[in-house]
């Protein structure tokens, strides 16, 4: 069970990292005849050398090369922007947009500011694009700092961004690493393509949300069955996958978080149980948020007290 719990804890941690903060800005580019990564990078970023970013973001480097063919869709990482309202601090902005207030120093630095002086009303805040990388055998944070930032000596910054100890630079195979692209900016052509992609995505959003919610309706009974029959590892995997779906209703979020709460308690993972409890309380109606003594175990009530 210890090995299984380690696996599920790693899964939950990875998913939490991936889902933390608002989604990183990115848009799709349809490869045309005659395109190359260098040509696309020059069009979108103004620098053909940024082709490496496109290769990394689309896992082309892991396939032994960066060949592309017409009709392929590439993800183009891009920064986003936020207009400060005059009442926000850098830690608050980092929590909302980057998923963790401890990333405030980096966010402030990207904006030529310092984290202890709040941005002024009307300031245009640049939110760096963030890509997710799965480490391969033999890679380290030094590898990623060199690949993405061109400076292996900044590996400690990457460690801090990912909540790792400063000396934990060596990675295991399949470790999830988030890498903010600090110097990536779009050309005017890139901005126009990003805006067009955003408009198209909004047009499709309602359909995707509807289909997603219908799928969740069919999955929730299986999630409940996983919990009821003691398949807690399966419940954790299924529950976190469902939380990643777009357009969840509050009632659906509450049901999923409630199942995760019970699963984490059963797997003796108190920290994750506490997080699931908080998500459950935040999503459930006042009447639904009550954990009745007759229906839940003392361990669950202890992990998720009423007050």
C-alpha atoms as a PDB file:
ATOM      1  CA  UNK A   1       0.000   0.000   0.000  1.00  0.00           C
ATOM      2  CA  UNK A   2       2.874   2.414   0.685  1.00  0.00           C
ATOM      3  CA  UNK A   3       4.077   2.122  -2.903  1.00  0.00           C
ATOM      4  CA  UNK A   4       0.551   2.615  -4.243  1.00  0.00           C
ATOM      5  CA  UNK A   5       0.026   5.621  -1.997  1.00  0.00           C
ATOM      6  CA  UNK A   6       3.259   7.146  -3.248  1.00  0.00           C
ATOM      7  CA  UNK A   7       2.030   6.732  -6.809  1.00  0.00           C
ATOM      8  CA  UNK A   8      -1.338   8.311  -6.104  1.00  0.00           C
ATOM      9  CA  UNK A   9       0.257  11.156  -4.121  1.00  0.00           C
ATOM     10  CA  UNK A  10       2.612  11.837  -7.028  1.00  0.00           C
ATOM     11  CA  UNK A  11      -0.347  11.806  -9.419  1.00  0.00           C
ATOM     12  CA  UNK A  12      -2.358  14.197  -7.284  1.00  0.00           C
ATOM     13  CA  UNK A  13       0.616  16.536  -6.828  1.00  0.00           C
ATOM     14  CA  UNK A  14       1.297  16.561 -10.570  1.00  0.00           C
ATOM     15  CA  UNK A  15      -2.329  17.292 -11.358  1.00  0.00           C
ATOM     16  CA  UNK A  16      -2.407  20.041  -8.751  1.00  0.00           C
ATOM     17  CA  UNK A  17       0.594  21.657 -10.399  1.00  0.00           C
ATOM     18  CA  UNK A  18      -0.943  21.359 -13.824  1.00  0.00           C
ATOM     19  CA  UNK A  19      -4.277  22.766 -12.719  1.00  0.00           C
ATOM     20  CA  UNK A  20      -2.983  25.463 -10.386  1.00  0.00           C
ATOM     21  CA  UNK A  21      -3.638  29.044 -11.452  1.00  0.00           C
ATOM     22  CA  UNK A  22      -5.437  30.036 -14.602  1.00  0.00           C
ATOM     23  CA  UNK A  23      -4.628  28.166 -17.815  1.00  0.00           C
ATOM     24  CA  UNK A  24      -1.431  29.305 -19.506  1.00  0.00           C
ATOM     25  CA  UNK A  25      -2.070  31.398 -22.614  1.00  0.00           C
ATOM     26  CA  UNK A  26      -1.393  29.522 -25.852  1.00  0.00           C
ATOM     27  CA  UNK A  27      -2.942  29.222 -29.270  1.00  0.00           C
ATOM     28  CA  UNK A  28      -2.893  26.710 -32.110  1.00  0.00           C
ATOM     29  CA  UNK A  29      -1.056  27.204 -35.385  1.00  0.00           C
ATOM     30  CA  UNK A  30      -1.947  25.065 -38.405  1.00  0.00           C
ATOM     31  CA  UNK A  31       1.225  24.091 -40.257  1.00  0.00           C
ATOM     32  CA  UNK A  32       1.173  25.052 -43.930  1.00  0.00           C
ATOM     33  CA  UNK A  33       3.262  23.824 -46.869  1.00  0.00           C
ATOM     34  CA  UNK A  34       6.754  25.279 -46.652  1.00  0.00           C
ATOM     35  CA  UNK A  35       6.538  25.952 -42.915  1.00  0.00           C
ATOM     36  CA  UNK A  36       9.428  25.099 -40.624  1.00  0.00           C
ATOM     37  CA  UNK A  37       9.717  25.589 -36.873  1.00  0.00           C
ATOM     38  CA  UNK A  38      12.229  28.381 -37.433  1.00  0.00           C
ATOM     39  CA  UNK A  39       9.917  30.158 -39.895  1.00  0.00           C
ATOM     40  CA  UNK A  40       6.914  29.855 -37.568  1.00  0.00           C
ATOM     41  CA  UNK A  41       9.007  31.088 -34.632  1.00  0.00           C
ATOM     42  CA  UNK A  42      10.117  34.109 -36.655  1.00  0.00           C
ATOM     43  CA  UNK A  43       6.507  34.915 -37.573  1.00  0.00           C
ATOM     44  CA  UNK A  44       5.130  34.465 -34.063  1.00  0.00           C
ATOM     45  CA  UNK A  45       8.050  35.549 -31.853  1.00  0.00           C
ATOM     46  CA  UNK A  46      10.257  37.548 -34.204  1.00  0.00           C
ATOM     47  CA  UNK A  47      13.193  35.207 -33.604  1.00  0.00           C
ATOM     48  CA  UNK A  48      13.870  31.992 -35.544  1.00  0.00           C
ATOM     49  CA  UNK A  49      15.978  30.710 -32.649  1.00  0.00           C
ATOM     50  CA  UNK A  50      12.757  30.452 -30.627  1.00  0.00           C
ATOM     51  CA  UNK A  51      11.969  27.339 -32.660  1.00  0.00           C
ATOM     52  CA  UNK A  52      13.306  25.429 -29.643  1.00  0.00           C
ATOM     53  CA  UNK A  53      10.362  26.714 -27.592  1.00  0.00           C
ATOM     54  CA  UNK A  54       7.933  25.306 -30.152  1.00  0.00           C
ATOM     55  CA  UNK A  55       9.819  22.009 -30.200  1.00  0.00           C
ATOM     56  CA  UNK A  56       9.768  21.721 -26.394  1.00  0.00           C
ATOM     57  CA  UNK A  57       6.132  22.819 -26.043  1.00  0.00           C
ATOM     58  CA  UNK A  58       4.973  20.245 -28.605  1.00  0.00           C
ATOM     59  CA  UNK A  59       7.260  17.427 -27.397  1.00  0.00           C
ATOM     60  CA  UNK A  60       8.963  17.308 -30.787  1.00  0.00           C
ATOM     61  CA  UNK A  61      12.385  17.223 -29.155  1.00  0.00           C
ATOM     62  CA  UNK A  62      11.467  13.964 -27.388  1.00  0.00           C
ATOM     63  CA  UNK A  63      10.720  12.293 -30.723  1.00  0.00           C
ATOM     64  CA  UNK A  64      14.293  12.525 -31.971  1.00  0.00           C
ATOM     65  CA  UNK A  65      13.755  15.573 -34.156  1.00  0.00           C
ATOM     66  CA  UNK A  66      11.567  18.530 -34.956  1.00  0.00           C
ATOM     67  CA  UNK A  67      10.088  17.617 -38.338  1.00  0.00           C
ATOM     68  CA  UNK A  68       6.638  19.038 -39.005  1.00  0.00           C
ATOM     69  CA  UNK A  69       4.184  18.358 -41.821  1.00  0.00           C
ATOM     70  CA  UNK A  70       1.322  20.362 -43.369  1.00  0.00           C
ATOM     71  CA  UNK A  71      -1.923  19.946 -41.442  1.00  0.00           C
ATOM     72  CA  UNK A  72      -0.224  19.454 -38.086  1.00  0.00           C
ATOM     73  CA  UNK A  73      -1.457  21.679 -35.266  1.00  0.00           C
ATOM     74  CA  UNK A  74       1.221  23.200 -33.070  1.00  0.00           C
ATOM     75  CA  UNK A  75       0.687  24.813 -29.686  1.00  0.00           C
ATOM     76  CA  UNK A  76       2.272  28.252 -29.584  1.00  0.00           C
ATOM     77  CA  UNK A  77       2.955  29.364 -25.976  1.00  0.00           C
ATOM     78  CA  UNK A  78       2.146  33.028 -25.493  1.00  0.00           C
ATOM     79  CA  UNK A  79       2.084  35.545 -22.646  1.00  0.00           C
ATOM     80  CA  UNK A  80      -1.181  37.028 -21.426  1.00  0.00           C
ATOM     81  CA  UNK A  81      -1.930  40.377 -19.822  1.00  0.00           C
ATOM     82  CA  UNK A  82      -3.829  41.757 -16.853  1.00  0.00           C
ATOM     83  CA  UNK A  83      -4.722  45.356 -16.000  1.00  0.00           C
ATOM     84  CA  UNK A  84      -4.016  46.014 -12.307  1.00  0.00           C
ATOM     85  CA  UNK A  85      -6.936  47.434 -10.328  1.00  0.00           C
ATOM     86  CA  UNK A  86      -4.807  49.163  -7.700  1.00  0.00           C
ATOM     87  CA  UNK A  87      -5.805  46.825  -4.857  1.00  0.00           C
ATOM     88  CA  UNK A  88      -3.803  43.727  -5.812  1.00  0.00           C
ATOM     89  CA  UNK A  89      -0.431  42.643  -4.516  1.00  0.00           C
ATOM     90  CA  UNK A  90       2.171  40.629  -6.381  1.00  0.00           C
ATOM     91  CA  UNK A  91       1.583  37.560  -4.185  1.00  0.00           C
ATOM     92  CA  UNK A  92      -2.160  37.765  -4.938  1.00  0.00           C
ATOM     93  CA  UNK A  93      -1.499  38.076  -8.675  1.00  0.00           C
ATOM     94  CA  UNK A  94       0.962  35.188  -8.556  1.00  0.00           C
ATOM     95  CA  UNK A  95      -1.594  33.003  -6.776  1.00  0.00           C
ATOM     96  CA  UNK A  96      -4.337  33.799  -9.303  1.00  0.00           C
ATOM     97  CA  UNK A  97      -2.314  33.603 -12.511  1.00  0.00           C
ATOM     98  CA  UNK A  98       0.617  31.329 -11.628  1.00  0.00           C
ATOM     99  CA  UNK A  99      -1.002  29.156  -8.959  1.00  0.00           C
ATOM    100  CA  UNK A 100       1.198  30.024  -5.972  1.00  0.00           C
ATOM    101  CA  UNK A 101       1.895  33.295  -4.173  1.00  0.00           C
ATOM    102  CA  UNK A 102       5.491  32.165  -3.688  1.00  0.00           C
ATOM    103  CA  UNK A 103       5.998  32.887  -7.394  1.00  0.00           C
ATOM    104  CA  UNK A 104       5.487  36.604  -6.735  1.00  0.00           C
ATOM    105  CA  UNK A 105       9.186  37.439  -7.018  1.00  0.00           C
ATOM    106  CA  UNK A 106       9.399  35.975 -10.507  1.00  0.00           C
ATOM    107  CA  UNK A 107       6.179  37.650 -11.686  1.00  0.00           C
ATOM    108  CA  UNK A 108       7.345  41.012 -10.369  1.00  0.00           C
ATOM    109  CA  UNK A 109      10.762  40.598 -11.973  1.00  0.00           C
ATOM    110  CA  UNK A 110       9.200  39.853 -15.365  1.00  0.00           C
ATOM    111  CA  UNK A 111       7.382  43.187 -15.017  1.00  0.00           C
ATOM    112  CA  UNK A 112      10.509  45.122 -13.966  1.00  0.00           C
ATOM    113  CA  UNK A 113       9.145  45.490 -10.442  1.00  0.00           C
ATOM    114  CA  UNK A 114       9.779  44.200  -6.935  1.00  0.00           C
ATOM    115  CA  UNK A 115       7.417  41.938  -5.053  1.00  0.00           C
ATOM    116  CA  UNK A 116       7.097  44.112  -1.936  1.00  0.00           C
ATOM    117  CA  UNK A 117       5.732  47.152  -3.837  1.00  0.00           C
ATOM    118  CA  UNK A 118       2.230  46.543  -5.189  1.00  0.00           C
ATOM    119  CA  UNK A 119       1.458  47.477  -8.813  1.00  0.00           C
ATOM    120  CA  UNK A 120      -0.426  50.707  -9.380  1.00  0.00           C
ATOM    121  CA  UNK A 121      -3.927  50.979 -10.767  1.00  0.00           C
ATOM    122  CA  UNK A 122      -3.879  50.643 -14.541  1.00  0.00           C
ATOM    123  CA  UNK A 123      -0.484  48.931 -14.761  1.00  0.00           C
ATOM    124  CA  UNK A 124      -0.356  46.398 -17.568  1.00  0.00           C
ATOM    125  CA  UNK A 125       0.859  43.145 -15.992  1.00  0.00           C
ATOM    126  CA  UNK A 126       2.574  40.621 -18.240  1.00  0.00           C
ATOM    127  CA  UNK A 127       1.767  37.020 -17.309  1.00  0.00           C
ATOM    128  CA  UNK A 128       4.485  34.775 -18.762  1.00  0.00           C
ATOM    129  CA  UNK A 129       3.538  31.718 -20.748  1.00  0.00           C
ATOM    130  CA  UNK A 130       4.086  28.512 -18.778  1.00  0.00           C
ATOM    131  CA  UNK A 131       4.818  25.165 -20.382  1.00  0.00           C
ATOM    132  CA  UNK A 132       4.636  21.740 -18.772  1.00  0.00           C
ATOM    133  CA  UNK A 133       7.557  19.387 -19.298  1.00  0.00           C
ATOM    134  CA  UNK A 134       7.858  15.720 -18.322  1.00  0.00           C
ATOM    135  CA  UNK A 135      11.455  14.899 -17.497  1.00  0.00           C
ATOM    136  CA  UNK A 136      13.273  12.100 -19.264  1.00  0.00           C
ATOM    137  CA  UNK A 137      16.017   9.858 -17.932  1.00  0.00           C
ATOM    138  CA  UNK A 138      19.099  11.833 -16.957  1.00  0.00           C
ATOM    139  CA  UNK A 139      17.506  15.286 -17.088  1.00  0.00           C
ATOM    140  CA  UNK A 140      17.740  17.837 -14.304  1.00  0.00           C
ATOM    141  CA  UNK A 141      16.573  21.352 -13.586  1.00  0.00           C
ATOM    142  CA  UNK A 142      19.948  22.481 -14.897  1.00  0.00           C
ATOM    143  CA  UNK A 143      18.946  20.900 -18.230  1.00  0.00           C
ATOM    144  CA  UNK A 144      15.682  22.845 -18.333  1.00  0.00           C
ATOM    145  CA  UNK A 145      17.251  26.120 -17.220  1.00  0.00           C
ATOM    146  CA  UNK A 146      19.724  25.803 -20.087  1.00  0.00           C
ATOM    147  CA  UNK A 147      17.073  24.759 -22.638  1.00  0.00           C
ATOM    148  CA  UNK A 148      14.437  27.356 -21.823  1.00  0.00           C
ATOM    149  CA  UNK A 149      16.373  30.231 -20.273  1.00  0.00           C
ATOM    150  CA  UNK A 150      19.814  29.776 -21.780  1.00  0.00           C
ATOM    151  CA  UNK A 151      21.450  29.853 -18.345  1.00  0.00           C
ATOM    152  CA  UNK A 152      22.084  26.650 -16.356  1.00  0.00           C
ATOM    153  CA  UNK A 153      22.991  28.721 -13.296  1.00  0.00           C
ATOM    154  CA  UNK A 154      19.322  29.717 -12.907  1.00  0.00           C
ATOM    155  CA  UNK A 155      18.269  26.154 -12.072  1.00  0.00           C
ATOM    156  CA  UNK A 156      17.658  27.265  -8.467  1.00  0.00           C
ATOM    157  CA  UNK A 157      14.955  29.664  -9.726  1.00  0.00           C
ATOM    158  CA  UNK A 158      13.258  26.815 -11.524  1.00  0.00           C
ATOM    159  CA  UNK A 159      13.461  24.727  -8.354  1.00  0.00           C
ATOM    160  CA  UNK A 160      11.809  27.520  -6.357  1.00  0.00           C
ATOM    161  CA  UNK A 161       9.055  27.951  -8.969  1.00  0.00           C
ATOM    162  CA  UNK A 162       8.214  24.251  -8.742  1.00  0.00           C
ATOM    163  CA  UNK A 163       8.299  24.122  -4.937  1.00  0.00           C
ATOM    164  CA  UNK A 164      11.408  21.966  -4.827  1.00  0.00           C
ATOM    165  CA  UNK A 165      14.302  22.330  -2.415  1.00  0.00           C
ATOM    166  CA  UNK A 166      17.148  24.387  -3.807  1.00  0.00           C
ATOM    167  CA  UNK A 167      19.433  21.379  -3.953  1.00  0.00           C
ATOM    168  CA  UNK A 168      16.811  19.043  -5.485  1.00  0.00           C
ATOM    169  CA  UNK A 169      18.000  19.633  -9.035  1.00  0.00           C
ATOM    170  CA  UNK A 170      18.100  16.003 -10.172  1.00  0.00           C
ATOM    171  CA  UNK A 171      14.790  14.784 -11.611  1.00  0.00           C
ATOM    172  CA  UNK A 172      13.198  11.378 -11.858  1.00  0.00           C
ATOM    173  CA  UNK A 173      11.799  10.036 -15.098  1.00  0.00           C
ATOM    174  CA  UNK A 174       8.311  11.486 -15.662  1.00  0.00           C
ATOM    175  CA  UNK A 175       8.585  14.297 -13.088  1.00  0.00           C
ATOM    176  CA  UNK A 176       6.270  17.194 -13.978  1.00  0.00           C
ATOM    177  CA  UNK A 177       8.106  20.507 -14.278  1.00  0.00           C
ATOM    178  CA  UNK A 178       6.451  23.856 -14.971  1.00  0.00           C
ATOM    179  CA  UNK A 179       8.660  26.296 -16.865  1.00  0.00           C
ATOM    180  CA  UNK A 180       7.687  29.977 -17.214  1.00  0.00           C
ATOM    181  CA  UNK A 181       8.922  31.458 -20.496  1.00  0.00           C
ATOM    182  CA  UNK A 182      10.312  34.702 -19.195  1.00  0.00           C
ATOM    183  CA  UNK A 183      11.415  36.410 -22.412  1.00  0.00           C
ATOM    184  CA  UNK A 184       8.766  35.225 -24.873  1.00  0.00           C
ATOM    185  CA  UNK A 185       6.821  38.002 -26.610  1.00  0.00           C
ATOM    186  CA  UNK A 186       4.626  37.949 -29.698  1.00  0.00           C
ATOM    187  CA  UNK A 187       5.020  39.920 -32.892  1.00  0.00           C
ATOM    188  CA  UNK A 188       2.066  41.931 -34.165  1.00  0.00           C
ATOM    189  CA  UNK A 189       1.308  39.042 -36.513  1.00  0.00           C
ATOM    190  CA  UNK A 190       1.503  36.635 -33.586  1.00  0.00           C
ATOM    191  CA  UNK A 191      -0.865  38.786 -31.531  1.00  0.00           C
ATOM    192  CA  UNK A 192      -3.368  38.864 -34.396  1.00  0.00           C
ATOM    193  CA  UNK A 193      -3.239  35.076 -34.766  1.00  0.00           C
ATOM    194  CA  UNK A 194      -3.637  34.633 -30.998  1.00  0.00           C
ATOM    195  CA  UNK A 195      -6.681  36.948 -30.984  1.00  0.00           C
ATOM    196  CA  UNK A 196      -8.249  35.029 -33.880  1.00  0.00           C
ATOM    197  CA  UNK A 197      -7.648  31.719 -32.108  1.00  0.00           C
ATOM    198  CA  UNK A 198      -9.193  33.076 -28.903  1.00  0.00           C
ATOM    199  CA  UNK A 199     -12.338  34.177 -30.758  1.00  0.00           C
ATOM    200  CA  UNK A 200     -12.666  30.748 -32.371  1.00  0.00           C
ATOM    201  CA  UNK A 201     -12.151  29.019 -29.019  1.00  0.00           C
ATOM    202  CA  UNK A 202     -14.916  31.085 -27.410  1.00  0.00           C
ATOM    203  CA  UNK A 203     -17.269  30.148 -30.237  1.00  0.00           C
ATOM    204  CA  UNK A 204     -16.631  26.465 -29.545  1.00  0.00           C
ATOM    205  CA  UNK A 205     -16.598  26.815 -25.771  1.00  0.00           C
ATOM    206  CA  UNK A 206     -20.315  26.393 -25.142  1.00  0.00           C
ATOM    207  CA  UNK A 207     -20.449  23.118 -27.084  1.00  0.00           C
ATOM    208  CA  UNK A 208     -17.381  21.747 -25.293  1.00  0.00           C
ATOM    209  CA  UNK A 209     -18.816  22.693 -21.912  1.00  0.00           C
ATOM    210  CA  UNK A 210     -22.139  21.030 -22.671  1.00  0.00           C
ATOM    211  CA  UNK A 211     -20.491  17.805 -23.826  1.00  0.00           C
ATOM    212  CA  UNK A 212     -18.131  17.855 -20.847  1.00  0.00           C
ATOM    213  CA  UNK A 213     -20.954  18.226 -18.338  1.00  0.00           C
ATOM    214  CA  UNK A 214     -22.888  15.375 -19.976  1.00  0.00           C
ATOM    215  CA  UNK A 215     -19.842  13.111 -19.734  1.00  0.00           C
ATOM    216  CA  UNK A 216     -19.361  13.992 -16.079  1.00  0.00           C
ATOM    217  CA  UNK A 217     -22.967  13.011 -15.345  1.00  0.00           C
ATOM    218  CA  UNK A 218     -22.209   9.513 -16.636  1.00  0.00           C
ATOM    219  CA  UNK A 219     -18.863   9.309 -14.771  1.00  0.00           C
ATOM    220  CA  UNK A 220     -20.037  10.389 -11.302  1.00  0.00           C
ATOM    221  CA  UNK A 221     -21.873   7.107 -10.530  1.00  0.00           C
ATOM    222  CA  UNK A 222     -18.698   5.159 -11.362  1.00  0.00           C
ATOM    223  CA  UNK A 223     -16.675   7.472  -9.114  1.00  0.00           C
ATOM    224  CA  UNK A 224     -19.124   6.820  -6.273  1.00  0.00           C
ATOM    225  CA  UNK A 225     -18.894   3.079  -6.933  1.00  0.00           C
ATOM    226  CA  UNK A 226     -15.089   3.229  -6.776  1.00  0.00           C
ATOM    227  CA  UNK A 227     -15.298   4.795  -3.319  1.00  0.00           C
ATOM    228  CA  UNK A 228     -18.040   2.503  -2.035  1.00  0.00           C
ATOM    229  CA  UNK A 229     -16.126  -0.637  -3.057  1.00  0.00           C
ATOM    230  CA  UNK A 230     -12.794   0.538  -1.696  1.00  0.00           C
ATOM    231  CA  UNK A 231     -11.093   1.199  -5.055  1.00  0.00           C
ATOM    232  CA  UNK A 232      -9.552   4.372  -3.682  1.00  0.00           C
ATOM    233  CA  UNK A 233      -6.612   4.604  -6.076  1.00  0.00           C
ATOM    234  CA  UNK A 234      -8.998   4.361  -9.023  1.00  0.00           C
ATOM    235  CA  UNK A 235     -11.251   6.966  -7.382  1.00  0.00           C
ATOM    236  CA  UNK A 236      -8.366   9.418  -7.003  1.00  0.00           C
ATOM    237  CA  UNK A 237      -7.306   9.001 -10.620  1.00  0.00           C
ATOM    238  CA  UNK A 238     -10.887   9.296 -11.908  1.00  0.00           C
ATOM    239  CA  UNK A 239     -11.746  12.218  -9.615  1.00  0.00           C
ATOM    240  CA  UNK A 240      -8.727  14.307 -10.613  1.00  0.00           C
ATOM    241  CA  UNK A 241      -9.374  13.625 -14.289  1.00  0.00           C
ATOM    242  CA  UNK A 242     -12.945  14.859 -13.865  1.00  0.00           C
ATOM    243  CA  UNK A 243     -11.786  17.999 -12.062  1.00  0.00           C
ATOM    244  CA  UNK A 244      -9.712  18.827 -15.129  1.00  0.00           C
ATOM    245  CA  UNK A 245     -12.847  18.937 -17.289  1.00  0.00           C
ATOM    246  CA  UNK A 246     -14.124  22.300 -18.494  1.00  0.00           C
ATOM    247  CA  UNK A 247     -17.410  23.761 -17.321  1.00  0.00           C
ATOM    248  CA  UNK A 248     -17.959  21.817 -14.113  1.00  0.00           C
ATOM    249  CA  UNK A 249     -20.981  22.943 -12.147  1.00  0.00           C
ATOM    250  CA  UNK A 250     -20.542  23.698  -8.439  1.00  0.00           C
ATOM    251  CA  UNK A 251     -22.618  20.641  -7.582  1.00  0.00           C
ATOM    252  CA  UNK A 252     -20.351  18.431  -9.707  1.00  0.00           C
ATOM    253  CA  UNK A 253     -17.220  19.917  -8.137  1.00  0.00           C
ATOM    254  CA  UNK A 254     -18.662  19.256  -4.686  1.00  0.00           C
ATOM    255  CA  UNK A 255     -19.476  15.624  -5.501  1.00  0.00           C
ATOM    256  CA  UNK A 256     -16.010  14.968  -6.923  1.00  0.00           C
ATOM    257  CA  UNK A 257     -14.226  16.699  -4.043  1.00  0.00           C
ATOM    258  CA  UNK A 258     -16.351  14.762  -1.544  1.00  0.00           C
ATOM    259  CA  UNK A 259     -15.282  11.468  -3.158  1.00  0.00           C
ATOM    260  CA  UNK A 260     -11.638  12.562  -3.156  1.00  0.00           C
ATOM    261  CA  UNK A 261     -11.892  13.526   0.516  1.00  0.00           C
ATOM    262  CA  UNK A 262     -13.024  10.050   1.493  1.00  0.00           C
ATOM    263  CA  UNK A 263     -10.426   8.397  -0.753  1.00  0.00           C
ATOM    264  CA  UNK A 264      -7.518  10.416   0.638  1.00  0.00           C
ATOM    265  CA  UNK A 265      -8.640   9.674   4.207  1.00  0.00           C
ATOM    266  CA  UNK A 266      -8.749   5.959   3.399  1.00  0.00           C
ATOM    267  CA  UNK A 267      -5.290   6.176   1.826  1.00  0.00           C
ATOM    268  CA  UNK A 268      -3.955   7.960   4.935  1.00  0.00           C
ATOM    269  CA  UNK A 269      -2.983  11.113   3.044  1.00  0.00           C
ATOM    270  CA  UNK A 270      -4.060  13.919   5.412  1.00  0.00           C
ATOM    271  CA  UNK A 271      -2.647  16.868   3.468  1.00  0.00           C
ATOM    272  CA  UNK A 272      -4.508  15.911   0.303  1.00  0.00           C
ATOM    273  CA  UNK A 273      -7.629  15.176   2.356  1.00  0.00           C
ATOM    274  CA  UNK A 274      -7.497  18.697   3.773  1.00  0.00           C
ATOM    275  CA  UNK A 275      -7.234  20.171   0.257  1.00  0.00           C
ATOM    276  CA  UNK A 276     -10.182  18.059  -0.913  1.00  0.00           C
ATOM    277  CA  UNK A 277     -12.191  19.175   2.123  1.00  0.00           C
ATOM    278  CA  UNK A 278     -11.541  22.834   1.307  1.00  0.00           C
ATOM    279  CA  UNK A 279     -12.623  22.290  -2.306  1.00  0.00           C
ATOM    280  CA  UNK A 280     -15.735  20.457  -1.107  1.00  0.00           C
ATOM    281  CA  UNK A 281     -16.698  23.236   1.326  1.00  0.00           C
ATOM    282  CA  UNK A 282     -16.119  25.903  -1.336  1.00  0.00           C
ATOM    283  CA  UNK A 283     -18.346  24.165  -3.895  1.00  0.00           C
ATOM    284  CA  UNK A 284     -21.171  22.649  -1.828  1.00  0.00           C
ATOM    285  CA  UNK A 285     -24.366  24.371  -0.791  1.00  0.00           C
ATOM    286  CA  UNK A 286     -24.694  25.025   2.929  1.00  0.00           C
ATOM    287  CA  UNK A 287     -27.070  22.071   3.376  1.00  0.00           C
ATOM    288  CA  UNK A 288     -24.940  19.691   1.288  1.00  0.00           C
ATOM    289  CA  UNK A 289     -21.714  20.665   3.059  1.00  0.00           C
ATOM    290  CA  UNK A 290     -22.820  19.082   6.345  1.00  0.00           C
ATOM    291  CA  UNK A 291     -21.110  15.746   7.005  1.00  0.00           C
ATOM    292  CA  UNK A 292     -23.646  13.888   9.090  1.00  0.00           C
ATOM    293  CA  UNK A 293     -22.244  11.633  11.812  1.00  0.00           C
ATOM    294  CA  UNK A 294     -24.509   8.747  10.770  1.00  0.00           C
ATOM    295  CA  UNK A 295     -23.262   8.809   7.188  1.00  0.00           C
ATOM    296  CA  UNK A 296     -19.509   9.370   7.461  1.00  0.00           C
ATOM    297  CA  UNK A 297     -16.737   7.964   9.602  1.00  0.00           C
ATOM    298  CA  UNK A 298     -15.067   9.862  12.445  1.00  0.00           C
ATOM    299  CA  UNK A 299     -11.842   9.969  10.386  1.00  0.00           C
ATOM    300  CA  UNK A 300     -13.574  11.830   7.591  1.00  0.00           C
ATOM    301  CA  UNK A 301     -15.194  14.307   9.995  1.00  0.00           C
ATOM    302  CA  UNK A 302     -11.815  14.830  11.657  1.00  0.00           C
ATOM    303  CA  UNK A 303     -10.200  15.542   8.288  1.00  0.00           C
ATOM    304  CA  UNK A 304     -13.038  17.872   7.321  1.00  0.00           C
ATOM    305  CA  UNK A 305     -14.460  19.500  10.459  1.00  0.00           C
ATOM    306  CA  UNK A 306     -17.550  21.658  10.210  1.00  0.00           C
ATOM    307  CA  UNK A 307     -15.790  24.726  11.531  1.00  0.00           C
END
